[in-house]
């Protein structure tokens, strides 16, 4: 048929207007430019080829316990003006990074103390190269890095860091673990209700993080200063409680939490099947504490979980909590118990105020509370 013999009409390509093929040279140049752009946007993980300072930066291999060295890592909260001029090795998270031209400014954070310090790099081709600045500038936030450098007194206070008097002049930076895309910003998760309300009053909109997002990404949410401080204060309360108990002659005991019957009535108890037999989660260590007193221990205490199946119409439930319990024999008057309780609260409150003022301040910034008075 005649339509089978028709010549197919091909669309005219931009580089083929006269039926001629694209010029090889032009195609090559386009490919070269595309490759150059891809290379420019590539995040460096290793030193640039030919960089004489290449041994001072780049990602480290996976920690596999293949060797042990005599290197010493210095905690960030110990970087003070008294150590001016000393060379130290620091491991921390990349809290913030800003690179511009031949310089880079980093903020390193250490969760163990919530301390931060500013680290700086300036190209001089002696200790810092252009490749080193580029590498440092493109390290994702929340990555873990090893930074070696010289402590130097800062000409002006570094208000954005806890170590305001000093900065770290970087001579080596190594990536230990690179972070992926962050599902939430720590700055957004650290804002208080008062800060958000103040911004709204000015007609500004501040980003917030919902509870669901926090719980879905709890590992990151727990890195905020307030959450770090809450857990450390909680640990301090247990430690201070234990200290006072031991000072007062108490013996620590550990009682069963999986028991055969309710320990304080059956109305608010969690029941379960224990290998074909009914069992309960302990509502209290009371029964075992009393047994210990009858066994002539005299004074006992325990720090442990308590389970209570109490229904509640609020968003807070006491289904599981950590109990601080103690039991003691009374020689003649219950005032003996009250005296111990008085010493206990005084010891805990004084310990928190004296030893953990920084943590209390961090909590108060996001969740304001009245100072501990006693």
Foldseek 3Di string as FASTA:
>chain_A
DVVVPDDDDDDADPQQNPNDDHDPVVVVVVVVVVVVVVVVPDQDQAFDPPQPLRVQEHADPAPDPPDDDPADADEQVPQAPVQAFDKHKHKFFFADWDADDQKIWTWGADLVVRFIAIEMEGDDSPQDHSRNRSNRRRQDGRFIKIWIFGKHFDPAFPVVGPRRGIHGYTRHMYTHGGDDDDPDRLVQLQAAPVVQVVQVVVVHHGHHDDPVSCVVVVVVSCSHLLNSLVVVLVVLLVVLLVVLCVVVQAAEDDDDQKAQDEPPDDPWWDWDQDPNHIITGYQDCVVVQVVVVVVVSFKYWYWAKHATNDDDPDPDDPRIDIDTDMDGDDDDDCVVVVVSVVVSVVSSLVCCVPPPVVSVVSNCNHPNDDRDDD
